[in-house]
Amino acid sequence: MELLSVNLGRPRAVPYTDQAEGLTGIDKRPAEGPVQVAAPGPKGTGGSGLAGDAVCDRRHHGGDDQAVYAVAREDLDDWERALGRKLANGMFGENLTTLGVDVSGARIGERWRVGHAVVLEVTCGRIPCRTFQGHLGESRWVKRFTQKGAPGAYLRVIEPGEIRAGDPVEIVHRPDHDVTVALQFRASTTERELLPRLLPAGEALHPESLAAARKYVEQQRS
């Protein structure tokens, strides 16, 4: 399992975002050399976990529980075939493009060592938005991406350090529950009845997703 590229985005003005200044950092490009990774701080104030990577809309993106976004190269290849176009590493706005890692099949709370020092923990899948659709330039993209159900994974930083393209990726901890990123994504989007199945992931789950699961269970009891 390997890290193919580490991707960083700079603020760019676009017509397809509702960010107050019309800026987005979704257009990410592979970095040359090492990139420092660290926990960025709470959502709303903290941005990306990668030095030099812009998070412009901190209402919905960034923060400790969404510090790093990973997408499997295999999923990009599947979309290349479906869309009939090339998709470069970073095209989905991901920070990490991996090879040989079942990103959407990863379990919530699963920990990856990237390179020699960095340890990341899986928290949830990526929910597609208007900015993502505008960036891709594909009609009905949000619906198509949701239907595929391979959203890639957000991760929090457990141990900081430097990473670079070519670093090995090793799974160093896999929880004994069956709550995967793909399951969490389906429960959060099209199949809300699955929300109770997320509870075994506990505090490893993104706090917003955990709160939604608990609320759903409470409502069903009342």
Protein backbone atom coordinates (compact mmCIF):
# COMPACT_ATOMS: atom_id res chain seq x y z
CA MET A 1 0.00 0.00 0.00
CA GLU A 2 1.41 3.31 -1.08
CA LEU A 3 0.86 7.06 -1.04
CA LEU A 4 0.91 8.10 -4.69
CA SER A 5 0.69 11.85 -4.09
CA VAL A 6 0.20 14.49 -1.42
CA ASN A 7 -2.10 17.19 -2.82
CA LEU A 8 -2.41 20.82 -1.74
CA GLY A 9 -4.85 23.53 -2.79
CA ARG A 10 -4.50 27.30 -2.97
CA PRO A 11 -7.44 29.71 -2.57
CA ARG A 12 -9.13 30.35 -5.89
CA ALA A 13 -12.16 32.47 -6.79
CA VAL A 14 -14.92 30.49 -8.53
CA PRO A 15 -18.60 31.08 -9.36
CA TYR A 16 -19.84 27.77 -7.90
CA THR A 17 -19.29 28.16 -4.15
CA ASP A 18 -21.37 29.88 -1.48
CA GLN A 19 -18.29 30.70 0.60
CA ALA A 20 -18.55 34.36 1.61
CA GLU A 21 -15.65 35.55 -0.56
CA GLY A 22 -16.29 33.10 -3.39
CA LEU A 23 -13.09 31.17 -2.64
CA THR A 24 -12.32 27.46 -2.61
CA GLY A 25 -9.25 25.30 -2.10
CA ILE A 26 -10.71 22.22 -3.80
CA ASP A 27 -8.37 22.44 -6.80
CA LYS A 28 -5.52 20.45 -5.29
CA ARG A 29 -2.25 19.61 -7.05
CA PRO A 30 0.51 17.13 -6.13
CA ALA A 31 3.21 18.65 -3.95
CA GLU A 32 6.91 18.24 -4.52
CA GLY A 33 8.87 17.16 -1.48
CA PRO A 34 7.73 16.55 2.09
CA VAL A 35 4.59 18.07 3.62
CA GLN A 36 4.09 18.63 7.33
CA VAL A 37 0.95 17.08 8.85
CA ALA A 38 -0.57 18.12 12.20
CA ALA A 39 -3.96 18.50 13.88
CA PRO A 40 -5.34 21.87 12.73
CA GLY A 41 -7.70 22.67 15.60
CA PRO A 42 -11.50 22.53 16.05
CA LYS A 43 -13.91 22.75 13.13
CA GLY A 44 -14.84 26.34 12.41
CA THR A 45 -11.41 27.66 13.23
CA GLY A 46 -9.01 24.91 12.20
CA GLY A 47 -8.33 24.37 8.52
CA SER A 48 -6.40 21.58 6.84
CA GLY A 49 -4.07 19.19 8.58
CA LEU A 50 -1.52 19.69 5.81
CA ALA A 51 0.80 22.70 5.80
CA GLY A 52 0.23 24.85 2.72
CA ASP A 53 -3.27 23.48 2.00
CA ALA A 54 -6.18 25.96 1.95
CA VAL A 55 -9.58 25.34 3.52
CA CYS A 56 -11.68 28.36 2.59
CA ASP A 57 -15.14 27.37 3.88
CA ARG A 58 -14.54 26.30 7.47
CA ARG A 59 -18.25 26.01 8.19
CA HIS A 60 -18.28 22.65 6.41
CA HIS A 61 -14.64 21.65 5.91
CA GLY A 62 -11.45 21.27 7.89
CA GLY A 63 -10.90 20.92 11.62
CA ASP A 64 -9.46 18.08 13.66
CA ASP A 65 -12.03 15.48 12.59
CA GLN A 66 -11.70 16.31 8.89
CA ALA A 67 -8.01 17.19 8.88
CA VAL A 68 -7.03 15.00 5.93
CA TYR A 69 -9.06 13.64 3.01
CA ALA A 70 -7.98 10.45 1.22
CA VAL A 71 -9.17 8.93 -2.06
CA ALA A 72 -8.11 5.64 -3.62
CA ARG A 73 -6.51 5.85 -7.04
CA GLU A 74 -8.58 2.80 -7.91
CA ASP A 75 -11.78 4.83 -7.40
CA LEU A 76 -10.45 7.64 -9.56
CA ASP A 77 -9.70 5.05 -12.25
CA ASP A 78 -13.28 3.73 -12.02
CA TRP A 79 -14.60 7.27 -12.47
CA GLU A 80 -12.26 7.84 -15.43
CA ARG A 81 -13.90 4.93 -17.20
CA ALA A 82 -17.41 6.09 -16.26
CA LEU A 83 -16.85 9.72 -17.26
CA GLY A 84 -14.61 9.09 -20.25
CA ARG A 85 -11.97 11.58 -19.11
CA LYS A 86 -8.70 11.70 -17.24
CA LEU A 87 -8.74 12.48 -13.51
CA ALA A 88 -5.40 13.57 -12.10
CA ASN A 89 -4.40 12.88 -8.52
CA GLY A 90 -6.03 15.55 -6.37
CA MET A 91 -8.94 16.08 -8.77
CA PHE A 92 -11.50 15.14 -6.12
CA GLY A 93 -9.99 17.65 -3.72
CA GLU A 94 -8.23 14.89 -1.84
CA ASN A 95 -5.05 15.47 0.14
CA LEU A 96 -3.88 11.88 -0.20
CA THR A 97 -4.17 9.75 -3.31
CA THR A 98 -3.48 6.15 -2.32
CA LEU A 99 -2.78 2.89 -4.11
CA GLY A 100 -3.78 -0.49 -2.69
CA VAL A 101 -5.79 0.95 0.21
CA ASP A 102 -9.52 0.13 0.49
CA VAL A 103 -10.31 3.69 1.56
CA SER A 104 -14.11 3.55 1.51
CA GLY A 105 -14.02 0.05 3.00
CA ALA A 106 -11.89 1.23 5.92
CA ARG A 107 -13.45 0.94 9.37
CA ILE A 108 -14.21 4.01 11.42
CA GLY A 109 -11.38 4.29 13.93
CA GLU A 110 -8.95 2.41 11.69
CA ARG A 111 -5.45 3.86 11.98
CA TRP A 112 -2.93 4.23 9.18
CA ARG A 113 0.76 4.89 9.48
CA VAL A 114 1.89 6.97 6.52
CA GLY A 115 5.64 7.12 6.09
CA HIS A 116 7.68 6.75 9.27
CA ALA A 117 5.98 9.13 11.69
CA VAL A 118 2.44 10.13 10.77
CA VAL A 119 -0.55 8.19 12.15
CA LEU A 120 -4.04 9.03 10.91
CA GLU A 121 -7.45 7.79 12.11
CA VAL A 122 -10.50 7.29 9.88
CA THR A 123 -13.56 9.31 10.99
CA CYS A 124 -16.16 9.44 8.18
CA GLY A 125 -16.85 9.68 4.46
CA ARG A 126 -16.98 12.82 2.34
CA ILE A 127 -20.44 14.28 1.62
CA PRO A 128 -20.51 15.79 -1.90
CA CYS A 129 -21.47 19.44 -2.30
CA ARG A 130 -22.18 22.13 -4.88
CA THR A 131 -18.54 23.21 -4.96
CA PHE A 132 -17.43 19.64 -5.74
CA GLN A 133 -19.94 19.45 -8.58
CA GLY A 134 -18.85 22.80 -9.99
CA HIS A 135 -15.20 21.81 -9.79
CA LEU A 136 -15.80 18.57 -11.68
CA GLY A 137 -18.09 20.23 -14.21
CA GLU A 138 -20.30 17.15 -14.39
CA SER A 139 -24.08 17.42 -14.39
CA ARG A 140 -25.91 15.59 -11.59
CA TRP A 141 -22.52 14.94 -10.02
CA VAL A 142 -23.70 15.06 -6.41
CA LYS A 143 -26.34 12.40 -7.14
CA ARG A 144 -23.96 10.20 -9.15
CA PHE A 145 -21.22 10.39 -6.53
CA THR A 146 -23.71 9.55 -3.78
CA GLN A 147 -25.15 6.60 -5.68
CA LYS A 148 -21.70 5.06 -6.17
CA GLY A 149 -21.15 5.06 -2.42
CA ALA A 150 -17.34 5.23 -2.49
CA PRO A 151 -16.79 8.63 -0.87
CA GLY A 152 -13.19 8.39 0.28
CA ALA A 153 -12.30 8.99 3.91
CA TYR A 154 -11.69 11.90 6.23
CA LEU A 155 -9.04 11.32 8.86
CA ARG A 156 -7.85 12.97 12.07
CA VAL A 157 -4.17 13.31 12.94
CA ILE A 158 -3.07 11.09 15.83
CA GLU A 159 0.68 11.50 15.42
CA PRO A 160 2.08 14.44 13.40
CA GLY A 161 5.08 14.50 11.11
CA GLU A 162 6.10 14.67 7.48
CA ILE A 163 4.79 12.69 4.53
CA ARG A 164 5.64 12.63 0.85
CA ALA A 165 4.71 10.83 -2.36
CA GLY A 166 5.98 7.25 -2.36
CA ASP A 167 5.59 6.75 1.38
CA PRO A 168 4.23 3.37 2.47
CA VAL A 169 0.77 3.20 4.04
CA GLU A 170 0.31 0.60 6.76
CA ILE A 171 -2.85 -0.25 8.71
CA VAL A 172 -1.64 -0.34 12.32
CA HIS A 173 -5.02 -0.69 14.04
CA ARG A 174 -8.33 -2.07 12.83
CA PRO A 175 -11.32 -1.98 15.23
CA ASP A 176 -13.36 -5.14 15.75
CA HIS A 177 -16.68 -3.54 14.73
CA ASP A 178 -18.04 -3.56 11.14
CA VAL A 179 -18.74 0.17 10.72
CA THR A 180 -17.03 1.13 7.47
CA VAL A 181 -16.74 4.50 5.77
CA ALA A 182 -19.14 3.27 3.07
CA LEU A 183 -21.74 2.27 5.70
CA GLN A 184 -21.40 5.60 7.49
CA PHE A 185 -21.82 7.43 4.18
CA ARG A 186 -24.99 5.53 3.25
CA ALA A 187 -26.45 6.09 6.72
CA SER A 188 -25.72 9.81 6.49
CA THR A 189 -27.18 10.26 3.00
CA THR A 190 -29.63 7.85 1.39
CA GLU A 191 -30.35 5.22 4.08
CA ARG A 192 -30.97 6.97 7.37
CA GLU A 193 -32.42 3.79 8.86
CA LEU A 194 -28.83 2.52 9.02
CA LEU A 195 -27.81 5.19 11.54
CA PRO A 196 -28.13 2.91 14.61
CA ARG A 197 -25.56 0.58 13.05
CA LEU A 198 -22.95 3.33 13.41
CA LEU A 199 -23.02 3.39 17.21
CA PRO A 200 -20.46 0.59 17.76
CA ALA A 201 -17.82 2.91 16.28
CA GLY A 202 -18.29 5.17 19.31
CA GLU A 203 -16.13 8.25 19.79
CA ALA A 204 -13.94 7.37 16.80
CA LEU A 205 -16.84 8.42 14.57
CA HIS A 206 -17.01 12.05 13.43
CA PRO A 207 -18.89 13.88 16.23
CA GLU A 208 -21.64 15.12 13.90
CA SER A 209 -22.30 11.63 12.59
CA LEU A 210 -22.28 10.16 16.10
CA ALA A 211 -24.75 12.81 17.26
CA ALA A 212 -27.03 12.06 14.30
CA ALA A 213 -27.00 8.34 15.09
CA ARG A 214 -27.83 8.92 18.74
CA LYS A 215 -30.61 11.34 17.87
CA TYR A 216 -32.15 8.88 15.42
CA VAL A 217 -32.18 6.12 18.07
CA GLU A 218 -33.78 8.44 20.61
CA GLN A 219 -36.48 9.46 18.12
CA GLN A 220 -37.27 5.83 17.35
CA ARG A 221 -37.74 5.12 21.05
CA SER A 222 -40.12 8.01 21.64
